[in-house]
C-alpha atoms as a PDB file:
ATOM      1  CA  MET A   1      79.634  -2.010 -38.619  1.00  0.00           C
ATOM      2  CA  ASN A   2      80.522   0.206 -41.578  1.00  0.00           C
ATOM      3  CA  TYR A   3      83.714   2.265 -41.624  1.00  0.00           C
ATOM      4  CA  TYR A   4      84.586   5.476 -43.415  1.00  0.00           C
ATOM      5  CA  THR A   5      87.551   4.713 -45.694  1.00  0.00           C
ATOM      6  CA  LYS A   6      87.732   7.612 -48.174  1.00  0.00           C
ATOM      7  CA  ARG A   7      90.966   9.590 -48.370  1.00  0.00           C
ATOM      8  CA  HIS A   8      91.167  13.358 -47.872  1.00  0.00           C
ATOM      9  CA  LYS A   9      93.816  16.031 -47.506  1.00  0.00           C
ATOM     10  CA  TYR A  10      92.714  17.150 -44.037  1.00  0.00           C
ATOM     11  CA  TYR A  11      90.886  15.362 -41.212  1.00  0.00           C
ATOM     12  CA  CYS A  12      88.973  17.095 -38.430  1.00  0.00           C
ATOM     13  CA  GLY A  13      87.971  15.194 -35.294  1.00  0.00           C
ATOM     14  CA  ILE A  14      85.669  16.947 -32.833  1.00  0.00           C
ATOM     15  CA  ASP A  15      84.839  16.018 -29.257  1.00  0.00           C
ATOM     16  CA  LEU A  16      81.507  17.812 -29.184  1.00  0.00           C
ATOM     17  CA  HIS A  17      79.630  18.995 -26.116  1.00  0.00           C
ATOM     18  CA  THR A  18      76.715  21.351 -25.548  1.00  0.00           C
ATOM     19  CA  ARG A  19      78.761  24.491 -24.867  1.00  0.00           C
ATOM     20  CA  LYS A  20      82.305  23.504 -25.838  1.00  0.00           C
ATOM     21  CA  MET A  21      84.004  21.534 -28.591  1.00  0.00           C
ATOM     22  CA  TYR A  22      87.594  20.313 -28.795  1.00  0.00           C
ATOM     23  CA  VAL A  23      88.740  20.442 -32.425  1.00  0.00           C
ATOM     24  CA  CYS A  24      91.709  18.513 -33.822  1.00  0.00           C
ATOM     25  CA  ILE A  25      92.758  18.950 -37.460  1.00  0.00           C
ATOM     26  CA  MET A  26      95.538  16.838 -38.986  1.00  0.00           C
ATOM     27  CA  ASP A  27      96.826  16.232 -42.485  1.00  0.00           C
ATOM     28  CA  ASP A  28      97.247  12.956 -44.333  1.00  0.00           C
ATOM     29  CA  SER A  29     100.642  12.382 -42.694  1.00  0.00           C
ATOM     30  CA  ALA A  30      99.083  12.608 -39.190  1.00  0.00           C
ATOM     31  CA  GLU A  31     100.706  15.963 -38.437  1.00  0.00           C
ATOM     32  CA  ILE A  32      98.450  17.951 -36.116  1.00  0.00           C
ATOM     33  CA  LEU A  33      97.779  21.382 -37.607  1.00  0.00           C
ATOM     34  CA  PHE A  34      95.167  22.687 -35.166  1.00  0.00           C
ATOM     35  CA  HIS A  35      94.226  21.456 -31.704  1.00  0.00           C
ATOM     36  CA  LYS A  36      92.115  23.732 -29.537  1.00  0.00           C
ATOM     37  CA  ASN A  37      89.124  23.911 -27.236  1.00  0.00           C
ATOM     38  CA  MET A  38      86.503  26.460 -28.322  1.00  0.00           C
ATOM     39  CA  ASP A  39      82.892  27.488 -27.949  1.00  0.00           C
ATOM     40  CA  ALA A  40      80.420  25.243 -29.754  1.00  0.00           C
ATOM     41  CA  CYS A  41      79.331  28.007 -32.117  1.00  0.00           C
ATOM     42  CA  ARG A  42      79.210  28.583 -35.835  1.00  0.00           C
ATOM     43  CA  ASP A  43      81.674  31.458 -36.291  1.00  0.00           C
ATOM     44  CA  PRO A  44      84.596  30.150 -34.160  1.00  0.00           C
ATOM     45  CA  PHE A  45      84.387  26.782 -35.894  1.00  0.00           C
ATOM     46  CA  LEU A  46      84.332  28.219 -39.421  1.00  0.00           C
ATOM     47  CA  LYS A  47      87.256  30.493 -38.567  1.00  0.00           C
ATOM     48  CA  ALA A  48      89.276  27.535 -37.257  1.00  0.00           C
ATOM     49  CA  ILE A  49      88.789  25.357 -40.342  1.00  0.00           C
ATOM     50  CA  GLU A  50      89.080  28.154 -42.925  1.00  0.00           C
ATOM     51  CA  PRO A  51      92.759  27.430 -43.847  1.00  0.00           C
ATOM     52  CA  TYR A  52      91.975  23.725 -44.330  1.00  0.00           C
ATOM     53  CA  LYS A  53      88.611  23.773 -46.109  1.00  0.00           C
ATOM     54  CA  GLU A  54      90.153  22.343 -49.274  1.00  0.00           C
ATOM     55  CA  ASP A  55      89.282  18.620 -49.195  1.00  0.00           C
ATOM     56  CA  LEU A  56      88.423  18.602 -45.471  1.00  0.00           C
ATOM     57  CA  ILE A  57      86.393  15.889 -43.747  1.00  0.00           C
ATOM     58  CA  VAL A  58      84.753  16.618 -40.377  1.00  0.00           C
ATOM     59  CA  THR A  59      83.474  14.066 -37.880  1.00  0.00           C
ATOM     60  CA  ALA A  60      81.849  14.019 -34.448  1.00  0.00           C
ATOM     61  CA  GLU A  61      80.229  11.341 -32.319  1.00  0.00           C
ATOM     62  CA  CYS A  62      76.468  10.852 -32.566  1.00  0.00           C
ATOM     63  CA  THR A  63      75.639  12.492 -29.257  1.00  0.00           C
ATOM     64  CA  PHE A  64      72.451  14.545 -28.906  1.00  0.00           C
ATOM     65  CA  SER A  65      74.132  17.811 -30.010  1.00  0.00           C
ATOM     66  CA  TRP A  66      75.398  16.884 -33.481  1.00  0.00           C
ATOM     67  CA  TYR A  67      72.460  18.302 -35.495  1.00  0.00           C
ATOM     68  CA  TRP A  68      73.713  21.870 -35.809  1.00  0.00           C
ATOM     69  CA  LEU A  69      77.222  20.790 -36.790  1.00  0.00           C
ATOM     70  CA  ALA A  70      76.010  18.474 -39.553  1.00  0.00           C
ATOM     71  CA  ASP A  71      73.666  21.153 -40.903  1.00  0.00           C
ATOM     72  CA  LEU A  72      76.435  23.755 -40.819  1.00  0.00           C
ATOM     73  CA  CYS A  73      78.835  21.513 -42.746  1.00  0.00           C
ATOM     74  CA  GLU A  74      76.143  20.796 -45.324  1.00  0.00           C
ATOM     75  CA  SER A  75      75.364  24.480 -45.831  1.00  0.00           C
ATOM     76  CA  GLU A  76      79.077  25.318 -46.169  1.00  0.00           C
ATOM     77  CA  GLY A  77      79.798  22.450 -48.565  1.00  0.00           C
ATOM     78  CA  ILE A  78      82.078  20.649 -46.084  1.00  0.00           C
ATOM     79  CA  ASN A  79      82.246  16.853 -45.977  1.00  0.00           C
ATOM     80  CA  PHE A  80      80.785  15.458 -42.756  1.00  0.00           C
ATOM     81  CA  VAL A  81      80.574  11.927 -41.381  1.00  0.00           C
ATOM     82  CA  LEU A  82      78.821  10.951 -38.159  1.00  0.00           C
ATOM     83  CA  ALA A  83      80.748   8.587 -35.880  1.00  0.00           C
ATOM     84  CA  HIS A  84      78.962   5.682 -34.200  1.00  0.00           C
ATOM     85  CA  ALA A  85      79.388   6.272 -30.461  1.00  0.00           C
ATOM     86  CA  LEU A  86      79.133   2.614 -29.434  1.00  0.00           C
ATOM     87  CA  GLY A  87      81.436   1.523 -32.250  1.00  0.00           C
ATOM     88  CA  MET A  88      83.936   4.173 -31.201  1.00  0.00           C
ATOM     89  CA  LYS A  89      83.993   2.703 -27.711  1.00  0.00           C
ATOM     90  CA  ALA A  90      84.811  -0.702 -29.179  1.00  0.00           C
ATOM     91  CA  VAL A  91      87.773   0.417 -31.311  1.00  0.00           C
ATOM     92  CA  ASN A  92      89.150   3.309 -29.274  1.00  0.00           C
ATOM     93  CA  GLY A  93      90.524   2.787 -25.793  1.00  0.00           C
ATOM     94  CA  GLY A  94      93.369   4.178 -23.756  1.00  0.00           C
ATOM     95  CA  LYS A  95      94.682   4.934 -20.309  1.00  0.00           C
ATOM     96  CA  VAL A  96      94.244   8.677 -20.745  1.00  0.00           C
ATOM     97  CA  LYS A  97      90.799   9.971 -21.661  1.00  0.00           C
ATOM     98  CA  ASN A  98      89.913  13.637 -21.882  1.00  0.00           C
ATOM     99  CA  ASP A  99      88.468  15.997 -24.471  1.00  0.00           C
ATOM    100  CA  LYS A 100      91.855  16.781 -25.999  1.00  0.00           C
ATOM    101  CA  ALA A 101      92.860  13.139 -26.322  1.00  0.00           C
ATOM    102  CA  ASP A 102      89.409  12.136 -27.584  1.00  0.00           C
ATOM    103  CA  SER A 103      89.406  14.684 -30.404  1.00  0.00           C
ATOM    104  CA  GLU A 104      92.864  13.531 -31.511  1.00  0.00           C
ATOM    105  CA  ASN A 105      91.857   9.870 -31.387  1.00  0.00           C
ATOM    106  CA  ILE A 106      88.741  10.604 -33.447  1.00  0.00           C
ATOM    107  CA  ALA A 107      90.867  12.344 -36.079  1.00  0.00           C
ATOM    108  CA  HIS A 108      93.326   9.411 -36.151  1.00  0.00           C
ATOM    109  CA  LEU A 109      90.506   6.901 -36.608  1.00  0.00           C
ATOM    110  CA  LEU A 110      89.096   8.999 -39.433  1.00  0.00           C
ATOM    111  CA  ARG A 111      92.478   9.281 -41.154  1.00  0.00           C
ATOM    112  CA  GLY A 112      93.202   5.578 -40.774  1.00  0.00           C
ATOM    113  CA  GLY A 113      89.874   4.420 -42.216  1.00  0.00           C
ATOM    114  CA  ASN A 114      88.803   2.930 -38.883  1.00  0.00           C
ATOM    115  CA  LEU A 115      85.970   5.314 -38.013  1.00  0.00           C
ATOM    116  CA  PRO A 116      82.662   3.444 -37.481  1.00  0.00           C
ATOM    117  CA  LYS A 117      79.871   5.310 -39.247  1.00  0.00           C
ATOM    118  CA  ALA A 118      76.406   6.177 -38.018  1.00  0.00           C
ATOM    119  CA  TYR A 119      73.591   7.449 -40.230  1.00  0.00           C
ATOM    120  CA  ALA A 120      73.480  11.241 -40.339  1.00  0.00           C
ATOM    121  CA  TYR A 121      69.734  11.715 -40.720  1.00  0.00           C
ATOM    122  CA  PRO A 122      69.061  14.595 -43.183  1.00  0.00           C
ATOM    123  CA  LYS A 123      67.462  17.693 -41.703  1.00  0.00           C
ATOM    124  CA  GLU A 124      64.476  17.704 -44.111  1.00  0.00           C
ATOM    125  CA  MET A 125      62.634  14.934 -42.205  1.00  0.00           C
ATOM    126  CA  ARG A 126      64.638  14.828 -38.988  1.00  0.00           C
ATOM    127  CA  ALA A 127      62.473  17.225 -36.985  1.00  0.00           C
ATOM    128  CA  THR A 128      59.334  15.280 -37.906  1.00  0.00           C
ATOM    129  CA  ARG A 129      60.987  12.038 -36.814  1.00  0.00           C
ATOM    130  CA  ASP A 130      61.872  13.612 -33.468  1.00  0.00           C
ATOM    131  CA  LEU A 131      58.296  14.853 -33.073  1.00  0.00           C
ATOM    132  CA  LEU A 132      57.052  11.316 -33.718  1.00  0.00           C
ATOM    133  CA  ARG A 133      59.395   9.989 -31.048  1.00  0.00           C
ATOM    134  CA  ARG A 134      58.096  12.618 -28.644  1.00  0.00           C
ATOM    135  CA  ARG A 135      54.559  11.549 -29.423  1.00  0.00           C
ATOM    136  CA  MET A 136      55.489   7.965 -28.490  1.00  0.00           C
ATOM    137  CA  HIS A 137      57.005   9.203 -25.230  1.00  0.00           C
ATOM    138  CA  LEU A 138      53.799  11.025 -24.292  1.00  0.00           C
ATOM    139  CA  MET A 139      51.703   8.003 -25.236  1.00  0.00           C
ATOM    140  CA  ARG A 140      53.699   5.848 -22.825  1.00  0.00           C
ATOM    141  CA  LYS A 141      53.264   8.421 -20.068  1.00  0.00           C
ATOM    142  CA  ARG A 142      49.535   8.381 -20.773  1.00  0.00           C
ATOM    143  CA  SER A 143      49.533   4.592 -20.438  1.00  0.00           C
ATOM    144  CA  GLU A 144      51.267   4.893 -17.066  1.00  0.00           C
ATOM    145  CA  LEU A 145      48.497   7.203 -15.854  1.00  0.00           C
ATOM    146  CA  LEU A 146      45.795   4.785 -17.005  1.00  0.00           C
ATOM    147  CA  ALA A 147      47.607   1.981 -15.210  1.00  0.00           C
ATOM    148  CA  HIS A 148      47.778   4.070 -12.030  1.00  0.00           C
ATOM    149  CA  VAL A 149      44.016   4.633 -12.113  1.00  0.00           C
ATOM    150  CA  GLN A 150      43.488   0.886 -12.385  1.00  0.00           C
ATOM    151  CA  ASN A 151      46.045   0.158  -9.666  1.00  0.00           C
ATOM    152  CA  SER A 152      44.309   2.597  -7.321  1.00  0.00           C
ATOM    153  CA  HIS A 153      41.164   0.496  -7.631  1.00  0.00           C
ATOM    154  CA  SER A 154      43.073  -2.747  -7.094  1.00  0.00           C
ATOM    155  CA  GLN A 155      44.845  -1.421  -3.986  1.00  0.00           C
ATOM    156  CA  HIS A 156      41.503  -0.906  -2.256  1.00  0.00           C
ATOM    157  CA  ASN A 157      39.754  -3.904  -3.813  1.00  0.00           C
ATOM    158  CA  LEU A 158      37.242  -1.684  -5.595  1.00  0.00           C
ATOM    159  CA  LYS A 159      35.193  -2.820  -8.569  1.00  0.00           C
ATOM    160  CA  ASN A 160      34.691  -0.629 -11.619  1.00  0.00           C
ATOM    161  CA  GLU A 161      31.154  -1.940 -12.191  1.00  0.00           C
ATOM    162  CA  GLY A 162      31.543  -1.947 -15.968  1.00  0.00           C
ATOM    163  CA  ILE A 163      33.230   1.464 -16.053  1.00  0.00           C
ATOM    164  CA  SER A 164      36.548   1.555 -17.904  1.00  0.00           C
ATOM    165  CA  SER A 165      39.240   4.231 -17.782  1.00  0.00           C
ATOM    166  CA  ALA A 166      39.968   3.469 -21.433  1.00  0.00           C
ATOM    167  CA  TYR A 167      36.797   5.329 -22.479  1.00  0.00           C
ATOM    168  CA  LYS A 168      36.751   9.112 -22.215  1.00  0.00           C
ATOM    169  CA  GLY A 169      33.090   9.393 -21.254  1.00  0.00           C
ATOM    170  CA  GLN A 170      33.420   7.004 -18.311  1.00  0.00           C
ATOM    171  CA  ARG A 171      36.569   8.287 -16.593  1.00  0.00           C
ATOM    172  CA  ASP A 172      34.901  10.963 -14.460  1.00  0.00           C
ATOM    173  CA  LYS A 173      32.502   8.338 -13.078  1.00  0.00           C
ATOM    174  CA  LEU A 174      35.467   6.510 -11.537  1.00  0.00           C
ATOM    175  CA  LEU A 175      35.947   9.297  -8.998  1.00  0.00           C
ATOM    176  CA  GLY A 176      32.779   8.249  -7.183  1.00  0.00           C
ATOM    177  CA  ASN A 177      34.391   4.925  -6.246  1.00  0.00           C
ATOM    178  CA  PHE A 178      36.720   6.505  -3.679  1.00  0.00           C
ATOM    179  CA  ALA A 179      35.590   7.705  -0.257  1.00  0.00           C
ATOM    180  CA  ASP A 180      39.011   9.049   0.727  1.00  0.00           C
ATOM    181  CA  GLN A 181      39.514  12.571  -0.608  1.00  0.00           C
ATOM    182  CA  SER A 182      43.284  12.139  -1.017  1.00  0.00           C
ATOM    183  CA  ILE A 183      42.852   9.092  -3.224  1.00  0.00           C
ATOM    184  CA  CYS A 184      40.069  10.799  -5.139  1.00  0.00           C
ATOM    185  CA  LEU A 185      42.291  13.816  -5.814  1.00  0.00           C
ATOM    186  CA  SER A 186      45.143  11.562  -6.927  1.00  0.00           C
ATOM    187  CA  VAL A 187      42.920   9.787  -9.460  1.00  0.00           C
ATOM    188  CA  LYS A 188      41.431  13.104 -10.569  1.00  0.00           C
ATOM    189  CA  MET A 189      44.943  14.379 -11.327  1.00  0.00           C
ATOM    190  CA  ASP A 190      45.524  11.307 -13.480  1.00  0.00           C
ATOM    191  CA  ILE A 191      42.256  11.741 -15.370  1.00  0.00           C
ATOM    192  CA  GLU A 192      42.763  15.468 -16.002  1.00  0.00           C
ATOM    193  CA  THR A 193      46.309  14.840 -17.243  1.00  0.00           C
ATOM    194  CA  ILE A 194      45.060  12.067 -19.532  1.00  0.00           C
ATOM    195  CA  LYS A 195      42.517  14.482 -21.019  1.00  0.00           C
ATOM    196  CA  HIS A 196      45.290  16.966 -21.760  1.00  0.00           C
ATOM    197  CA  TYR A 197      47.448  14.226 -23.283  1.00  0.00           C
ATOM    198  CA  ASP A 198      44.527  13.129 -25.483  1.00  0.00           C
ATOM    199  CA  SER A 199      44.170  16.635 -26.884  1.00  0.00           C
ATOM    200  CA  LEU A 200      47.899  17.019 -27.550  1.00  0.00           C
ATOM    201  CA  LEU A 201      48.241  13.560 -29.090  1.00  0.00           C
ATOM    202  CA  ALA A 202      45.266  14.018 -31.409  1.00  0.00           C
ATOM    203  CA  GLN A 203      46.663  17.333 -32.637  1.00  0.00           C
ATOM    204  CA  THR A 204      50.140  15.851 -33.102  1.00  0.00           C
ATOM    205  CA  GLU A 205      48.892  12.787 -34.968  1.00  0.00           C
ATOM    206  CA  ARG A 206      46.903  14.907 -37.413  1.00  0.00           C
ATOM    207  CA  TYR A 207      49.992  16.971 -38.149  1.00  0.00           C
ATOM    208  CA  LEU A 208      52.223  13.896 -38.572  1.00  0.00           C
ATOM    209  CA  ILE A 209      49.832  12.248 -41.020  1.00  0.00           C
ATOM    210  CA  GLU A 210      49.572  15.444 -43.067  1.00  0.00           C
ATOM    211  CA  GLN A 211      53.354  15.808 -43.052  1.00  0.00           C
ATOM    212  CA  ALA A 212      53.880  12.205 -44.191  1.00  0.00           C
ATOM    213  CA  ARG A 213      51.596  12.846 -47.147  1.00  0.00           C
ATOM    214  CA  VAL A 214      53.941  15.676 -48.102  1.00  0.00           C
ATOM    215  CA  ASP A 215      57.300  14.025 -47.378  1.00  0.00           C
ATOM    216  CA  ASN A 216      56.658  10.621 -48.959  1.00  0.00           C
ATOM    217  CA  PRO A 217      52.982   9.965 -49.798  1.00  0.00           C
ATOM    218  CA  GLN A 218      53.712   6.924 -51.966  1.00  0.00           C
ATOM    219  CA  LEU A 219      55.675   5.008 -49.357  1.00  0.00           C
ATOM    220  CA  PHE A 220      53.261   6.019 -46.594  1.00  0.00           C
ATOM    221  CA  SER A 221      50.376   4.511 -48.574  1.00  0.00           C
ATOM    222  CA  LEU A 222      52.320   1.373 -49.522  1.00  0.00           C
ATOM    223  CA  LEU A 223      53.244   0.593 -45.920  1.00  0.00           C
ATOM    224  CA  LYS A 224      49.579   0.715 -44.917  1.00  0.00           C
ATOM    225  CA  THR A 225      48.807  -2.084 -47.407  1.00  0.00           C
ATOM    226  CA  ILE A 226      50.573  -4.490 -45.033  1.00  0.00           C
ATOM    227  CA  PRO A 227      48.029  -6.030 -42.625  1.00  0.00           C
ATOM    228  CA  GLY A 228      48.767  -5.025 -39.056  1.00  0.00           C
ATOM    229  CA  ILE A 229      50.366  -1.727 -40.043  1.00  0.00           C
ATOM    230  CA  GLY A 230      48.099   1.272 -39.667  1.00  0.00           C
ATOM    231  CA  GLU A 231      48.831   4.972 -39.797  1.00  0.00           C
ATOM    232  CA  ILE A 232      50.910   5.205 -36.610  1.00  0.00           C
ATOM    233  CA  LEU A 233      53.105   2.183 -37.357  1.00  0.00           C
ATOM    234  CA  ALA A 234      53.498   3.336 -40.963  1.00  0.00           C
ATOM    235  CA  LEU A 235      54.656   6.718 -39.660  1.00  0.00           C
ATOM    236  CA  VAL A 236      57.206   5.097 -37.356  1.00  0.00           C
ATOM    237  CA  ILE A 237      58.644   2.884 -40.100  1.00  0.00           C
ATOM    238  CA  LEU A 238      58.647   5.679 -42.678  1.00  0.00           C
ATOM    239  CA  TYR A 239      60.500   8.210 -40.543  1.00  0.00           C
ATOM    240  CA  GLU A 240      62.835   5.830 -38.716  1.00  0.00           C
ATOM    241  CA  VAL A 241      64.045   4.191 -41.936  1.00  0.00           C
ATOM    242  CA  HIS A 242      64.014   7.349 -44.087  1.00  0.00           C
ATOM    243  CA  ASP A 243      66.000   5.785 -46.966  1.00  0.00           C
ATOM    244  CA  VAL A 244      65.828   2.006 -47.273  1.00  0.00           C
ATOM    245  CA  ASN A 245      68.675   2.047 -49.796  1.00  0.00           C
ATOM    246  CA  ARG A 246      71.128   2.762 -46.984  1.00  0.00           C
ATOM    247  CA  PHE A 247      70.814  -0.942 -46.121  1.00  0.00           C
ATOM    248  CA  ALA A 248      72.819  -3.210 -48.416  1.00  0.00           C
ATOM    249  CA  ASN A 249      70.427  -6.126 -47.924  1.00  0.00           C
ATOM    250  CA  VAL A 250      67.523  -7.318 -45.834  1.00  0.00           C
ATOM    251  CA  SER A 251      69.870  -8.836 -43.237  1.00  0.00           C
ATOM    252  CA  LYS A 252      71.331  -5.411 -42.487  1.00  0.00           C
ATOM    253  CA  PHE A 253      67.822  -4.012 -42.164  1.00  0.00           C
ATOM    254  CA  LEU A 254      66.721  -6.765 -39.774  1.00  0.00           C
ATOM    255  CA  SER A 255      69.816  -6.243 -37.659  1.00  0.00           C
ATOM    256  CA  TYR A 256      69.174  -2.494 -37.472  1.00  0.00           C
ATOM    257  CA  SER A 257      65.554  -3.197 -36.515  1.00  0.00           C
ATOM    258  CA  ARG A 258      66.639  -5.517 -33.661  1.00  0.00           C
ATOM    259  CA  MET A 259      64.773  -8.388 -35.288  1.00  0.00           C
ATOM    260  CA  VAL A 260      67.689 -10.858 -35.200  1.00  0.00           C
ATOM    261  CA  LYS A 261      69.381 -12.333 -32.166  1.00  0.00           C
ATOM    262  CA  PRO A 262      73.034 -11.251 -31.875  1.00  0.00           C
ATOM    263  CA  LYS A 263      75.676 -13.941 -31.493  1.00  0.00           C
ATOM    264  CA  ARG A 264      78.922 -13.789 -29.553  1.00  0.00           C
ATOM    265  CA  SER A 265      81.417 -16.626 -29.462  1.00  0.00           C
ATOM    266  CA  SER A 266      85.102 -17.293 -28.886  1.00  0.00           C
ATOM    267  CA  ASP A 267      87.060 -20.500 -29.528  1.00  0.00           C
ATOM    268  CA  GLY A 268      83.845 -22.190 -30.554  1.00  0.00           C
ATOM    269  CA  LYS A 269      82.132 -21.340 -27.281  1.00  0.00           C
ATOM    270  CA  ALA A 270      78.977 -19.244 -27.189  1.00  0.00           C
ATOM    271  CA  LYS A 271      78.896 -16.374 -24.733  1.00  0.00           C
ATOM    272  CA  ALA A 272      76.229 -14.033 -23.477  1.00  0.00           C
ATOM    273  CA  SER A 273      75.486 -11.415 -26.100  1.00  0.00           C
ATOM    274  CA  LEU A 274      76.210  -7.765 -25.404  1.00  0.00           C
ATOM    275  CA  GLY A 275      74.542  -6.410 -28.529  1.00  0.00           C
ATOM    276  CA  SER A 276      70.845  -7.032 -27.947  1.00  0.00           C
ATOM    277  CA  LYS A 277      70.216  -3.303 -27.451  1.00  0.00           C
ATOM    278  CA  GLN A 278      72.071  -2.215 -30.588  1.00  0.00           C
ATOM    279  CA  GLY A 279      69.860  -0.944 -33.380  1.00  0.00           C
ATOM    280  CA  ASN A 280      66.638   1.033 -33.543  1.00  0.00           C
ATOM    281  CA  ALA A 281      64.296   0.501 -30.595  1.00  0.00           C
ATOM    282  CA  TYR A 282      61.424   2.272 -32.374  1.00  0.00           C
ATOM    283  CA  LEU A 283      61.471  -0.139 -35.323  1.00  0.00           C
ATOM    284  CA  LYS A 284      61.667  -3.060 -32.906  1.00  0.00           C
ATOM    285  CA  TRP A 285      58.521  -1.780 -31.191  1.00  0.00           C
ATOM    286  CA  ALA A 286      56.740  -1.151 -34.501  1.00  0.00           C
ATOM    287  CA  PHE A 287      57.290  -4.654 -35.879  1.00  0.00           C
ATOM    288  CA  SER A 288      56.435  -6.251 -32.526  1.00  0.00           C
ATOM    289  CA  GLU A 289      53.123  -4.372 -32.494  1.00  0.00           C
ATOM    290  CA  ALA A 290      52.507  -5.212 -36.148  1.00  0.00           C
ATOM    291  CA  SER A 291      52.893  -8.948 -35.508  1.00  0.00           C
ATOM    292  CA  VAL A 292      50.133  -8.873 -32.861  1.00  0.00           C
ATOM    293  CA  LEU A 293      47.801  -6.803 -35.053  1.00  0.00           C
ATOM    294  CA  PHE A 294      48.541  -9.012 -38.049  1.00  0.00           C
ATOM    295  CA  LEU A 295      47.314 -12.077 -36.165  1.00  0.00           C
ATOM    296  CA  ARG A 296      44.182 -10.224 -35.105  1.00  0.00           C
ATOM    297  CA  ASN A 297      43.276  -9.340 -38.690  1.00  0.00           C
ATOM    298  CA  HIS A 298      44.469 -12.472 -40.511  1.00  0.00           C
ATOM    299  CA  GLN A 299      42.912 -15.767 -39.504  1.00  0.00           C
ATOM    300  CA  PRO A 300      45.077 -17.906 -41.868  1.00  0.00           C
ATOM    301  CA  ALA A 301      48.269 -16.636 -40.231  1.00  0.00           C
ATOM    302  CA  LYS A 302      47.164 -18.018 -36.859  1.00  0.00           C
ATOM    303  CA  ALA A 303      47.945 -21.553 -38.041  1.00  0.00           C
ATOM    304  CA  TYR A 304      51.537 -20.526 -38.694  1.00  0.00           C
ATOM    305  CA  PHE A 305      51.716 -18.787 -35.328  1.00  0.00           C
ATOM    306  CA  GLU A 306      50.332 -21.793 -33.446  1.00  0.00           C
ATOM    307  CA  LYS A 307      52.889 -24.007 -35.149  1.00  0.00           C
ATOM    308  CA  LEU A 308      55.702 -21.708 -34.066  1.00  0.00           C
ATOM    309  CA  SER A 309      54.262 -21.409 -30.554  1.00  0.00           C
ATOM    310  CA  ASP A 310      54.270 -25.174 -30.097  1.00  0.00           C
ATOM    311  CA  LYS A 311      57.903 -25.313 -31.168  1.00  0.00           C
ATOM    312  CA  TYR A 312      59.422 -22.176 -29.616  1.00  0.00           C
ATOM    313  CA  GLY A 313      56.874 -20.657 -27.261  1.00  0.00           C
ATOM    314  CA  LYS A 314      54.581 -17.679 -27.743  1.00  0.00           C
ATOM    315  CA  GLY A 315      57.177 -14.951 -27.176  1.00  0.00           C
ATOM    316  CA  LYS A 316      59.664 -16.221 -29.726  1.00  0.00           C
ATOM    317  CA  ALA A 317      56.857 -17.040 -32.155  1.00  0.00           C
ATOM    318  CA  LEU A 318      55.762 -13.393 -32.117  1.00  0.00           C
ATOM    319  CA  SER A 319      59.369 -12.321 -32.698  1.00  0.00           C
ATOM    320  CA  LEU A 320      59.690 -14.644 -35.697  1.00  0.00           C
ATOM    321  CA  LEU A 321      56.439 -13.344 -37.154  1.00  0.00           C
ATOM    322  CA  GLY A 322      57.648  -9.786 -36.591  1.00  0.00           C
ATOM    323  CA  GLN A 323      60.818 -10.673 -38.460  1.00  0.00           C
ATOM    324  CA  LYS A 324      58.743 -11.910 -41.413  1.00  0.00           C
ATOM    325  CA  LEU A 325      56.782  -8.656 -41.432  1.00  0.00           C
ATOM    326  CA  ALA A 326      60.024  -6.667 -41.289  1.00  0.00           C
ATOM    327  CA  ARG A 327      61.232  -8.542 -44.367  1.00  0.00           C
ATOM    328  CA  ALA A 328      57.966  -7.735 -46.109  1.00  0.00           C
ATOM    329  CA  CYS A 329      58.322  -4.046 -45.206  1.00  0.00           C
ATOM    330  CA  PHE A 330      61.836  -4.013 -46.607  1.00  0.00           C
ATOM    331  CA  GLN A 331      60.641  -5.460 -49.917  1.00  0.00           C
ATOM    332  CA  VAL A 332      57.713  -3.031 -50.112  1.00  0.00           C
ATOM    333  CA  MET A 333      60.007  -0.072 -49.505  1.00  0.00           C
ATOM    334  CA  ARG A 334      62.703  -1.343 -51.861  1.00  0.00           C
ATOM    335  CA  THR A 335      60.432  -2.303 -54.772  1.00  0.00           C
ATOM    336  CA  LYS A 336      57.724   0.330 -54.109  1.00  0.00           C
ATOM    337  CA  GLN A 337      55.041  -2.259 -54.792  1.00  0.00           C
ATOM    338  CA  VAL A 338      51.867  -3.103 -52.896  1.00  0.00           C
ATOM    339  CA  PHE A 339      52.134  -5.837 -50.272  1.00  0.00           C
ATOM    340  CA  ASP A 340      51.306  -9.258 -51.747  1.00  0.00           C
ATOM    341  CA  ALA A 341      49.338 -11.052 -49.016  1.00  0.00           C
ATOM    342  CA  LYS A 342      48.973 -14.267 -51.030  1.00  0.00           C
ATOM    343  CA  ARG A 343      52.702 -14.591 -51.581  1.00  0.00           C
ATOM    344  CA  PHE A 344      53.410 -13.706 -47.958  1.00  0.00           C
ATOM    345  CA  LEU A 345      51.148 -16.493 -46.690  1.00  0.00           C
ATOM    346  CA  GLN A 346      52.738 -18.920 -49.167  1.00  0.00           C
ATOM    347  CA  ASP A 347      56.161 -18.034 -47.789  1.00  0.00           C
ATOM    348  CA  LEU A 348      54.840 -18.882 -44.341  1.00  0.00           C
ATOM    349  CA  ALA A 349      53.977 -22.324 -45.732  1.00  0.00           C
ATOM    350  CA  ILE A 350      50.328 -21.974 -44.719  1.00  0.00           C
END
């Protein structure tokens, strides 16, 4: 966890909500100068901080509504740091918890150099990243519909007779398998929704690829030189990482990508970890998918995978291979050089 330790003249802690925000401003001696609940709007906020804009630092937790505040501070030339919500929970506790107390505690943590930082994703690529995440959400919903079509056949012990719901041209033929009109209508709803999803996803993917070629064409092309990483996975890695230099080393990157197992111990005794869900779930998914596709396209790597499978089991072997690919991605992004397959296989001791 990284902490914000720079010194300023004034510190502003905000407990931010959708409609309201509780603002606490204090000076370097911890004297509270302003403490008020107000509408979460541009003009009231700027009016409140106007007397303290000289060397002011503003912070808010990384809830879903922080975008506008970060953009406003950037446009007004005000220092802004995003607080890590989970880290805040770890270092800030008390018997009394309300918006007023929370805003004051946030300001105290900021003043004392104990505020855990999150990455404030710049607005230039942020909307595209969110669109990519939405695309992944719709793709999963589409997969659920395909699974429901298959389950409807299994429930009634019906055979597809070589017809697969995975192929667009064959889906309508599946409706003839059901004699019951209610079941037929249910499957038809699934198929029609899948068709609509296909149209939306194709349109979205075309836009995302075009946008990546504008935002960072070099890195987008370099990521696709890694076997197992195609256009979609390259998009995910490109927009979720944004700036690889924000990671001090590859270990920090692997931890953020959920590619290392967290450890928790006390008095020499290991305990169940509570941090397995910390990090970026989208990068975890991308590298997990890449490890499977890498094995499909690279026959020499299967020897390494079989060796790991014999020792650890298939699941952990895939995770270890995904970790190797994550390391390779980090080096490609850091050095801006094409993926070296020969060196990668040598590192695997194949």
